[in-house]
Amino acid sequence: MAIEPRYMLLDEPFTGIDPRTVEDIQTIIGDLRNENLSILITDHNVRETLQITDRAYIIVDGRILTAGTAQELTSNEQVRRLYLGEKFQMDW
C-alpha cells in the first residue's frame, strides 16, 4: 500500500467470495475507515456493501439516481422500484 494513502478504490471486493471471507473483508474495510481512510467501493452485492458504508450512491443508466445512508436508500421507493426490488430487505 502507498505511504499514508487518503483514498482507496475497491472494485467488486465481494464478488465470488465465501461468506466468512466477506466478513473478514468487511472487518478490514472498517479498520481502514477507522484510520480515516476514505474508501470507494463499487459492488453489486448490495447487502454486503450497505452493511459497512456511511454513504452510498445508486447509479442507474450511468447517472446517480440518489445518495444517502443505507437506511435512506433501502426505504426510498424509487430505489426499490428501479434497483433493489420491492421485496428487498436488510437485516440490521
PDB file of N, CA and C in Angstrom:
ATOM      1  N   MET A   1       0.848  -1.170   0.000  1.00  0.00           N
ATOM      2  CA  MET A   1       0.000   0.000   0.000  1.00  0.00           C
ATOM      3  C   MET A   1       0.896   1.237   0.000  1.00  0.00           C
ATOM      4  N   ALA A   2       0.425   2.307  -0.600  1.00  0.00           N
ATOM      5  CA  ALA A   2       1.179   3.556  -0.653  1.00  0.00           C
ATOM      6  C   ALA A   2       1.390   4.101   0.756  1.00  0.00           C
ATOM      7  N   ILE A   3       2.356   4.949   0.886  1.00  0.00           N
ATOM      8  CA  ILE A   3       2.635   5.568   2.178  1.00  0.00           C
ATOM      9  C   ILE A   3       1.520   6.544   2.516  1.00  0.00           C
ATOM     10  N   GLU A   4       0.820   6.284   3.616  1.00  0.00           N
ATOM     11  CA  GLU A   4      -0.265   7.117   4.119  1.00  0.00           C
ATOM     12  C   GLU A   4      -1.264   7.541   3.038  1.00  0.00           C
ATOM     13  N   PRO A   5      -1.924   6.591   2.383  1.00  0.00           N
ATOM     14  CA  PRO A   5      -2.926   6.968   1.377  1.00  0.00           C
ATOM     15  C   PRO A   5      -4.130   7.618   2.051  1.00  0.00           C
ATOM     16  N   ARG A   6      -4.841   8.448   1.296  1.00  0.00           N
ATOM     17  CA  ARG A   6      -6.057   9.085   1.803  1.00  0.00           C
ATOM     18  C   ARG A   6      -7.305   8.420   1.234  1.00  0.00           C
ATOM     19  N   TYR A   7      -7.148   7.788   0.081  1.00  0.00           N
ATOM     20  CA  TYR A   7      -8.278   7.171  -0.610  1.00  0.00           C
ATOM     21  C   TYR A   7      -7.907   5.774  -1.086  1.00  0.00           C
ATOM     22  N   MET A   8      -8.930   4.930  -1.189  1.00  0.00           N
ATOM     23  CA  MET A   8      -8.732   3.596  -1.743  1.00  0.00           C
ATOM     24  C   MET A   8      -9.968   3.243  -2.563  1.00  0.00           C
ATOM     25  N   LEU A   9      -9.758   2.645  -3.721  1.00  0.00           N
ATOM     26  CA  LEU A   9     -10.848   2.169  -4.565  1.00  0.00           C
ATOM     27  C   LEU A   9     -10.857   0.652  -4.517  1.00  0.00           C
ATOM     28  N   LEU A  10     -12.008   0.084  -4.170  1.00  0.00           N
ATOM     29  CA  LEU A  10     -12.183  -1.366  -4.169  1.00  0.00           C
ATOM     30  C   LEU A  10     -13.252  -1.704  -5.202  1.00  0.00           C
ATOM     31  N   ASP A  11     -12.870  -2.409  -6.243  1.00  0.00           N
ATOM     32  CA  ASP A  11     -13.777  -2.761  -7.331  1.00  0.00           C
ATOM     33  C   ASP A  11     -14.275  -4.190  -7.132  1.00  0.00           C
ATOM     34  N   GLU A  12     -15.560  -4.322  -6.799  1.00  0.00           N
ATOM     35  CA  GLU A  12     -16.203  -5.618  -6.599  1.00  0.00           C
ATOM     36  C   GLU A  12     -15.473  -6.496  -5.575  1.00  0.00           C
ATOM     37  N   PRO A  13     -15.201  -5.986  -4.374  1.00  0.00           N
ATOM     38  CA  PRO A  13     -14.437  -6.780  -3.407  1.00  0.00           C
ATOM     39  C   PRO A  13     -15.172  -8.021  -2.892  1.00  0.00           C
ATOM     40  N   PHE A  14     -16.494  -8.091  -3.060  1.00  0.00           N
ATOM     41  CA  PHE A  14     -17.256  -9.217  -2.529  1.00  0.00           C
ATOM     42  C   PHE A  14     -17.671 -10.233  -3.593  1.00  0.00           C
ATOM     43  N   THR A  15     -17.263 -10.023  -4.829  1.00  0.00           N
ATOM     44  CA  THR A  15     -17.664 -10.910  -5.915  1.00  0.00           C
ATOM     45  C   THR A  15     -16.987 -12.273  -5.801  1.00  0.00           C
ATOM     46  N   GLY A  16     -17.795 -13.314  -5.788  1.00  0.00           N
ATOM     47  CA  GLY A  16     -17.282 -14.674  -5.767  1.00  0.00           C
ATOM     48  C   GLY A  16     -16.586 -15.073  -4.480  1.00  0.00           C
ATOM     49  N   ILE A  17     -16.876 -14.378  -3.394  1.00  0.00           N
ATOM     50  CA  ILE A  17     -16.204 -14.615  -2.117  1.00  0.00           C
ATOM     51  C   ILE A  17     -17.161 -15.342  -1.171  1.00  0.00           C
ATOM     52  N   ASP A  18     -16.642 -16.307  -0.429  1.00  0.00           N
ATOM     53  CA  ASP A  18     -17.475 -17.039   0.527  1.00  0.00           C
ATOM     54  C   ASP A  18     -17.860 -16.123   1.696  1.00  0.00           C
ATOM     55  N   PRO A  19     -18.973 -16.436   2.386  1.00  0.00           N
ATOM     56  CA  PRO A  19     -19.477 -15.563   3.457  1.00  0.00           C
ATOM     57  C   PRO A  19     -18.462 -15.260   4.559  1.00  0.00           C
ATOM     58  N   ARG A  20     -17.664 -16.226   4.937  1.00  0.00           N
ATOM     59  CA  ARG A  20     -16.677 -15.983   6.000  1.00  0.00           C
ATOM     60  C   ARG A  20     -15.640 -14.952   5.557  1.00  0.00           C
ATOM     61  N   THR A  21     -15.184 -15.065   4.327  1.00  0.00           N
ATOM     62  CA  THR A  21     -14.197 -14.111   3.818  1.00  0.00           C
ATOM     63  C   THR A  21     -14.820 -12.733   3.624  1.00  0.00           C
ATOM     64  N   VAL A  22     -16.109 -12.689   3.261  1.00  0.00           N
ATOM     65  CA  VAL A  22     -16.811 -11.405   3.165  1.00  0.00           C
ATOM     66  C   VAL A  22     -16.742 -10.690   4.505  1.00  0.00           C
ATOM     67  N   GLU A  23     -16.995 -11.413   5.594  1.00  0.00           N
ATOM     68  CA  GLU A  23     -16.914 -10.810   6.930  1.00  0.00           C
ATOM     69  C   GLU A  23     -15.506 -10.306   7.219  1.00  0.00           C
ATOM     70  N   ASP A  24     -14.500 -11.071   6.826  1.00  0.00           N
ATOM     71  CA  ASP A  24     -13.113 -10.642   7.029  1.00  0.00           C
ATOM     72  C   ASP A  24     -12.823  -9.354   6.263  1.00  0.00           C
ATOM     73  N   ILE A  25     -13.287  -9.300   5.019  1.00  0.00           N
ATOM     74  CA  ILE A  25     -13.071  -8.099   4.204  1.00  0.00           C
ATOM     75  C   ILE A  25     -13.804  -6.911   4.814  1.00  0.00           C
ATOM     76  N   GLN A  26     -15.038  -7.125   5.279  1.00  0.00           N
ATOM     77  CA  GLN A  26     -15.792  -6.048   5.917  1.00  0.00           C
ATOM     78  C   GLN A  26     -15.062  -5.527   7.150  1.00  0.00           C
ATOM     79  N   THR A  27     -14.473  -6.413   7.922  1.00  0.00           N
ATOM     80  CA  THR A  27     -13.714  -6.004   9.109  1.00  0.00           C
ATOM     81  C   THR A  27     -12.495  -5.181   8.714  1.00  0.00           C
ATOM     82  N   ILE A  28     -11.781  -5.621   7.703  1.00  0.00           N
ATOM     83  CA  ILE A  28     -10.601  -4.880   7.233  1.00  0.00           C
ATOM     84  C   ILE A  28     -11.006  -3.499   6.741  1.00  0.00           C
ATOM     85  N   ILE A  29     -12.098  -3.422   5.978  1.00  0.00           N
ATOM     86  CA  ILE A  29     -12.572  -2.129   5.483  1.00  0.00           C
ATOM     87  C   ILE A  29     -12.942  -1.225   6.656  1.00  0.00           C
ATOM     88  N   GLY A  30     -13.607  -1.774   7.659  1.00  0.00           N
ATOM     89  CA  GLY A  30     -13.950  -0.991   8.852  1.00  0.00           C
ATOM     90  C   GLY A  30     -12.720  -0.478   9.570  1.00  0.00           C
ATOM     91  N   ASP A  31     -11.695  -1.321   9.685  1.00  0.00           N
ATOM     92  CA  ASP A  31     -10.445  -0.898  10.327  1.00  0.00           C
ATOM     93  C   ASP A  31      -9.786   0.233   9.549  1.00  0.00           C
ATOM     94  N   LEU A  32      -9.777   0.122   8.226  1.00  0.00           N
ATOM     95  CA  LEU A  32      -9.186   1.177   7.393  1.00  0.00           C
ATOM     96  C   LEU A  32      -9.974   2.476   7.524  1.00  0.00           C
ATOM     97  N   ARG A  33     -11.291   2.358   7.558  1.00  0.00           N
ATOM     98  CA  ARG A  33     -12.139   3.545   7.720  1.00  0.00           C
ATOM     99  C   ARG A  33     -11.869   4.211   9.062  1.00  0.00           C
ATOM    100  N   ASN A  34     -11.664   3.411  10.104  1.00  0.00           N
ATOM    101  CA  ASN A  34     -11.367   3.961  11.428  1.00  0.00           C
ATOM    102  C   ASN A  34     -10.026   4.677  11.470  1.00  0.00           C
ATOM    103  N   GLU A  35      -9.165   4.394  10.499  1.00  0.00           N
ATOM    104  CA  GLU A  35      -7.883   5.093  10.379  1.00  0.00           C
ATOM    105  C   GLU A  35      -7.998   6.307   9.455  1.00  0.00           C
ATOM    106  N   ASN A  36      -9.249   6.755   9.218  1.00  0.00           N
ATOM    107  CA  ASN A  36      -9.552   7.934   8.395  1.00  0.00           C
ATOM    108  C   ASN A  36      -9.167   7.770   6.935  1.00  0.00           C
ATOM    109  N   LEU A  37      -9.226   6.551   6.435  1.00  0.00           N
ATOM    110  CA  LEU A  37      -9.008   6.302   5.021  1.00  0.00           C
ATOM    111  C   LEU A  37     -10.366   6.311   4.334  1.00  0.00           C
ATOM    112  N   SER A  38     -10.514   7.131   3.309  1.00  0.00           N
ATOM    113  CA  SER A  38     -11.756   7.153   2.538  1.00  0.00           C
ATOM    114  C   SER A  38     -11.717   6.001   1.548  1.00  0.00           C
ATOM    115  N   ILE A  39     -12.812   5.262   1.466  1.00  0.00           N
ATOM    116  CA  ILE A  39     -12.851   4.077   0.616  1.00  0.00           C
ATOM    117  C   ILE A  39     -14.053   4.172  -0.312  1.00  0.00           C
ATOM    118  N   LEU A  40     -13.797   4.038  -1.602  1.00  0.00           N
ATOM    119  CA  LEU A  40     -14.850   4.000  -2.611  1.00  0.00           C
ATOM    120  C   LEU A  40     -15.000   2.549  -3.043  1.00  0.00           C
ATOM    121  N   ILE A  41     -16.202   2.008  -2.862  1.00  0.00           N
ATOM    122  CA  ILE A  41     -16.470   0.616  -3.208  1.00  0.00           C
ATOM    123  C   ILE A  41     -17.487   0.578  -4.341  1.00  0.00           C
ATOM    124  N   THR A  42     -17.158  -0.151  -5.398  1.00  0.00           N
ATOM    125  CA  THR A  42     -18.128  -0.435  -6.449  1.00  0.00           C
ATOM    126  C   THR A  42     -18.452  -1.914  -6.347  1.00  0.00           C
ATOM    127  N   ASP A  43     -19.723  -2.233  -6.154  1.00  0.00           N
ATOM    128  CA  ASP A  43     -20.083  -3.637  -5.986  1.00  0.00           C
ATOM    129  C   ASP A  43     -21.572  -3.822  -6.227  1.00  0.00           C
ATOM    130  N   HIS A  44     -21.950  -4.964  -6.772  1.00  0.00           N
ATOM    131  CA  HIS A  44     -23.356  -5.297  -6.967  1.00  0.00           C
ATOM    132  C   HIS A  44     -23.932  -6.071  -5.790  1.00  0.00           C
ATOM    133  N   ASN A  45     -23.112  -6.463  -4.860  1.00  0.00           N
ATOM    134  CA  ASN A  45     -23.575  -7.159  -3.659  1.00  0.00           C
ATOM    135  C   ASN A  45     -24.051  -6.114  -2.651  1.00  0.00           C
ATOM    136  N   VAL A  46     -25.289  -5.707  -2.832  1.00  0.00           N
ATOM    137  CA  VAL A  46     -25.845  -4.570  -2.102  1.00  0.00           C
ATOM    138  C   VAL A  46     -25.838  -4.784  -0.593  1.00  0.00           C
ATOM    139  N   ARG A  47     -26.275  -5.928  -0.136  1.00  0.00           N
ATOM    140  CA  ARG A  47     -26.354  -6.156   1.315  1.00  0.00           C
ATOM    141  C   ARG A  47     -24.988  -6.038   1.976  1.00  0.00           C
ATOM    142  N   GLU A  48     -24.004  -6.719   1.402  1.00  0.00           N
ATOM    143  CA  GLU A  48     -22.666  -6.699   1.983  1.00  0.00           C
ATOM    144  C   GLU A  48     -22.075  -5.297   1.985  1.00  0.00           C
ATOM    145  N   THR A  49     -22.345  -4.552   0.932  1.00  0.00           N
ATOM    146  CA  THR A  49     -21.785  -3.208   0.812  1.00  0.00           C
ATOM    147  C   THR A  49     -22.489  -2.227   1.747  1.00  0.00           C
ATOM    148  N   LEU A  50     -23.818  -2.253   1.767  1.00  0.00           N
ATOM    149  CA  LEU A  50     -24.558  -1.305   2.609  1.00  0.00           C
ATOM    150  C   LEU A  50     -24.322  -1.537   4.097  1.00  0.00           C
ATOM    151  N   GLN A  51     -23.948  -2.746   4.483  1.00  0.00           N
ATOM    152  CA  GLN A  51     -23.686  -3.025   5.897  1.00  0.00           C
ATOM    153  C   GLN A  51     -22.487  -2.251   6.428  1.00  0.00           C
ATOM    154  N   ILE A  52     -21.593  -1.802   5.557  1.00  0.00           N
ATOM    155  CA  ILE A  52     -20.346  -1.181   6.022  1.00  0.00           C
ATOM    156  C   ILE A  52     -20.152   0.245   5.542  1.00  0.00           C
ATOM    157  N   THR A  53     -21.123   0.791   4.818  1.00  0.00           N
ATOM    158  CA  THR A  53     -20.922   2.124   4.261  1.00  0.00           C
ATOM    159  C   THR A  53     -21.570   3.205   5.117  1.00  0.00           C
ATOM    160  N   ASP A  54     -20.950   4.379   5.093  1.00  0.00           N
ATOM    161  CA  ASP A  54     -21.549   5.557   5.716  1.00  0.00           C
ATOM    162  C   ASP A  54     -22.526   6.210   4.750  1.00  0.00           C
ATOM    163  N   ARG A  55     -22.194   6.132   3.469  1.00  0.00           N
ATOM    164  CA  ARG A  55     -22.973   6.775   2.422  1.00  0.00           C
ATOM    165  C   ARG A  55     -22.857   5.922   1.169  1.00  0.00           C
ATOM    166  N   ALA A  56     -23.953   5.833   0.417  1.00  0.00           N
ATOM    167  CA  ALA A  56     -23.944   5.054  -0.816  1.00  0.00           C
ATOM    168  C   ALA A  56     -24.635   5.836  -1.925  1.00  0.00           C
ATOM    169  N   TYR A  57     -24.279   5.491  -3.133  1.00  0.00           N
ATOM    170  CA  TYR A  57     -24.859   6.107  -4.324  1.00  0.00           C
ATOM    171  C   TYR A  57     -25.454   5.006  -5.183  1.00  0.00           C
ATOM    172  N   ILE A  58     -26.656   5.223  -5.676  1.00  0.00           N
ATOM    173  CA  ILE A  58     -27.288   4.284  -6.594  1.00  0.00           C
ATOM    174  C   ILE A  58     -27.190   4.895  -7.984  1.00  0.00           C
ATOM    175  N   ILE A  59     -26.559   4.149  -8.884  1.00  0.00           N
ATOM    176  CA  ILE A  59     -26.362   4.618 -10.253  1.00  0.00           C
ATOM    177  C   ILE A  59     -27.231   3.777 -11.176  1.00  0.00           C
ATOM    178  N   VAL A  60     -28.058   4.440 -11.968  1.00  0.00           N
ATOM    179  CA  VAL A  60     -28.927   3.780 -12.932  1.00  0.00           C
ATOM    180  C   VAL A  60     -28.688   4.424 -14.287  1.00  0.00           C
ATOM    181  N   ASP A  61     -28.413   3.618 -15.288  1.00  0.00           N
ATOM    182  CA  ASP A  61     -28.148   4.107 -16.642  1.00  0.00           C
ATOM    183  C   ASP A  61     -27.026   5.138 -16.667  1.00  0.00           C
ATOM    184  N   GLY A  62     -25.999   4.923 -15.844  1.00  0.00           N
ATOM    185  CA  GLY A  62     -24.829   5.792 -15.845  1.00  0.00           C
ATOM    186  C   GLY A  62     -25.000   7.112 -15.112  1.00  0.00           C
ATOM    187  N   ARG A  63     -26.117   7.292 -14.442  1.00  0.00           N
ATOM    188  CA  ARG A  63     -26.373   8.541 -13.710  1.00  0.00           C
ATOM    189  C   ARG A  63     -26.706   8.234 -12.252  1.00  0.00           C
ATOM    190  N   ILE A  64     -26.308   9.151 -11.374  1.00  0.00           N
ATOM    191  CA  ILE A  64     -26.633   8.981  -9.961  1.00  0.00           C
ATOM    192  C   ILE A  64     -28.131   9.203  -9.775  1.00  0.00           C
ATOM    193  N   LEU A  65     -28.809   8.158  -9.342  1.00  0.00           N
ATOM    194  CA  LEU A  65     -30.241   8.247  -9.073  1.00  0.00           C
ATOM    195  C   LEU A  65     -30.471   8.952  -7.749  1.00  0.00           C
ATOM    196  N   THR A  66     -29.730   8.533  -6.730  1.00  0.00           N
ATOM    197  CA  THR A  66     -29.845   9.137  -5.406  1.00  0.00           C
ATOM    198  C   THR A  66     -28.651   8.721  -4.559  1.00  0.00           C
ATOM    199  N   ALA A  67     -28.506   9.376  -3.429  1.00  0.00           N
ATOM    200  CA  ALA A  67     -27.426   9.069  -2.492  1.00  0.00           C
ATOM    201  C   ALA A  67     -27.972   9.206  -1.084  1.00  0.00           C
ATOM    202  N   GLY A  68     -27.347   8.494  -0.160  1.00  0.00           N
ATOM    203  CA  GLY A  68     -27.762   8.605   1.230  1.00  0.00           C
ATOM    204  C   GLY A  68     -27.208   7.471   2.059  1.00  0.00           C
ATOM    205  N   THR A  69     -27.710   7.380   3.273  1.00  0.00           N
ATOM    206  CA  THR A  69     -27.315   6.282   4.152  1.00  0.00           C
ATOM    207  C   THR A  69     -27.990   5.000   3.664  1.00  0.00           C
ATOM    208  N   ALA A  70     -27.564   3.889   4.194  1.00  0.00           N
ATOM    209  CA  ALA A  70     -28.177   2.611   3.825  1.00  0.00           C
ATOM    210  C   ALA A  70     -29.673   2.621   4.130  1.00  0.00           C
ATOM    211  N   GLN A  71     -30.037   3.150   5.280  1.00  0.00           N
ATOM    212  CA  GLN A  71     -31.448   3.207   5.661  1.00  0.00           C
ATOM    213  C   GLN A  71     -32.242   4.098   4.707  1.00  0.00           C
ATOM    214  N   GLU A  72     -31.665   5.232   4.334  1.00  0.00           N
ATOM    215  CA  GLU A  72     -32.355   6.135   3.406  1.00  0.00           C
ATOM    216  C   GLU A  72     -32.560   5.470   2.051  1.00  0.00           C
ATOM    217  N   LEU A  73     -31.539   4.791   1.563  1.00  0.00           N
ATOM    218  CA  LEU A  73     -31.639   4.180   0.241  1.00  0.00           C
ATOM    219  C   LEU A  73     -32.604   3.004   0.225  1.00  0.00           C
ATOM    220  N   THR A  74     -32.548   2.161   1.240  1.00  0.00           N
ATOM    221  CA  THR A  74     -33.410   0.979   1.233  1.00  0.00           C
ATOM    222  C   THR A  74     -34.877   1.311   1.480  1.00  0.00           C
ATOM    223  N   SER A  75     -35.157   2.490   1.999  1.00  0.00           N
ATOM    224  CA  SER A  75     -36.552   2.899   2.193  1.00  0.00           C
ATOM    225  C   SER A  75     -37.049   3.825   1.079  1.00  0.00           C
ATOM    226  N   ASN A  76     -36.188   4.180   0.148  1.00  0.00           N
ATOM    227  CA  ASN A  76     -36.548   5.059  -0.961  1.00  0.00           C
ATOM    228  C   ASN A  76     -37.360   4.271  -1.994  1.00  0.00           C
ATOM    229  N   GLU A  77     -38.596   4.697  -2.245  1.00  0.00           N
ATOM    230  CA  GLU A  77     -39.488   3.975  -3.157  1.00  0.00           C
ATOM    231  C   GLU A  77     -38.926   3.882  -4.573  1.00  0.00           C
ATOM    232  N   GLN A  78     -38.303   4.943  -5.047  1.00  0.00           N
ATOM    233  CA  GLN A  78     -37.744   4.941  -6.397  1.00  0.00           C
ATOM    234  C   GLN A  78     -36.569   3.959  -6.501  1.00  0.00           C
ATOM    235  N   VAL A  79     -35.726   3.924  -5.489  1.00  0.00           N
ATOM    236  CA  VAL A  79     -34.601   2.985  -5.468  1.00  0.00           C
ATOM    237  C   VAL A  79     -35.121   1.553  -5.437  1.00  0.00           C
ATOM    238  N   ARG A  80     -36.138   1.310  -4.651  1.00  0.00           N
ATOM    239  CA  ARG A  80     -36.713  -0.040  -4.567  1.00  0.00           C
ATOM    240  C   ARG A  80     -37.331  -0.446  -5.903  1.00  0.00           C
ATOM    241  N   ARG A  81     -38.002   0.464  -6.545  1.00  0.00           N
ATOM    242  CA  ARG A  81     -38.666   0.167  -7.812  1.00  0.00           C
ATOM    243  C   ARG A  81     -37.660  -0.070  -8.941  1.00  0.00           C
ATOM    244  N   LEU A  82     -36.613   0.762  -9.017  1.00  0.00           N
ATOM    245  CA  LEU A  82     -35.683   0.700 -10.144  1.00  0.00           C
ATOM    246  C   LEU A  82     -34.463  -0.186  -9.928  1.00  0.00           C
ATOM    247  N   TYR A  83     -34.085  -0.439  -8.668  1.00  0.00           N
ATOM    248  CA  TYR A  83     -32.823  -1.138  -8.442  1.00  0.00           C
ATOM    249  C   TYR A  83     -32.933  -2.325  -7.481  1.00  0.00           C
ATOM    250  N   LEU A  84     -33.450  -2.096  -6.294  1.00  0.00           N
ATOM    251  CA  LEU A  84     -33.438  -3.135  -5.266  1.00  0.00           C
ATOM    252  C   LEU A  84     -34.524  -4.187  -5.439  1.00  0.00           C
ATOM    253  N   GLY A  85     -35.677  -3.766  -5.915  1.00  0.00           N
ATOM    254  CA  GLY A  85     -36.837  -4.650  -5.977  1.00  0.00           C
ATOM    255  C   GLY A  85     -37.706  -4.440  -4.748  1.00  0.00           C
ATOM    256  N   GLU A  86     -38.983  -4.647  -4.923  1.00  0.00           N
ATOM    257  CA  GLU A  86     -39.943  -4.381  -3.848  1.00  0.00           C
ATOM    258  C   GLU A  86     -39.760  -5.304  -2.646  1.00  0.00           C
ATOM    259  N   LYS A  87     -39.256  -6.516  -2.847  1.00  0.00           N
ATOM    260  CA  LYS A  87     -39.120  -7.482  -1.754  1.00  0.00           C
ATOM    261  C   LYS A  87     -37.775  -7.401  -1.036  1.00  0.00           C
ATOM    262  N   PHE A  88     -36.909  -6.498  -1.461  1.00  0.00           N
ATOM    263  CA  PHE A  88     -35.575  -6.385  -0.861  1.00  0.00           C
ATOM    264  C   PHE A  88     -35.685  -6.048   0.620  1.00  0.00           C
ATOM    265  N   GLN A  89     -34.886  -6.742   1.451  1.00  0.00           N
ATOM    266  CA  GLN A  89     -34.849  -6.471   2.887  1.00  0.00           C
ATOM    267  C   GLN A  89     -33.414  -6.514   3.377  1.00  0.00           C
ATOM    268  N   MET A  90     -33.128  -5.691   4.363  1.00  0.00           N
ATOM    269  CA  MET A  90     -31.827  -5.707   5.035  1.00  0.00           C
ATOM    270  C   MET A  90     -32.028  -6.231   6.445  1.00  0.00           C
ATOM    271  N   ASP A  91     -31.105  -7.032   6.906  1.00  0.00           N
ATOM    272  CA  ASP A  91     -31.106  -7.490   8.294  1.00  0.00           C
ATOM    273  C   ASP A  91     -30.189  -6.570   9.085  1.00  0.00           C
ATOM    274  N   TRP A  92     -30.767  -5.612   9.767  1.00  0.00           N
ATOM    275  CA  TRP A  92     -29.952  -4.651  10.513  1.00  0.00           C
ATOM    276  C   TRP A  92     -29.623  -5.287  11.799  1.00  0.00           C
TER     277      TRP A  92
END
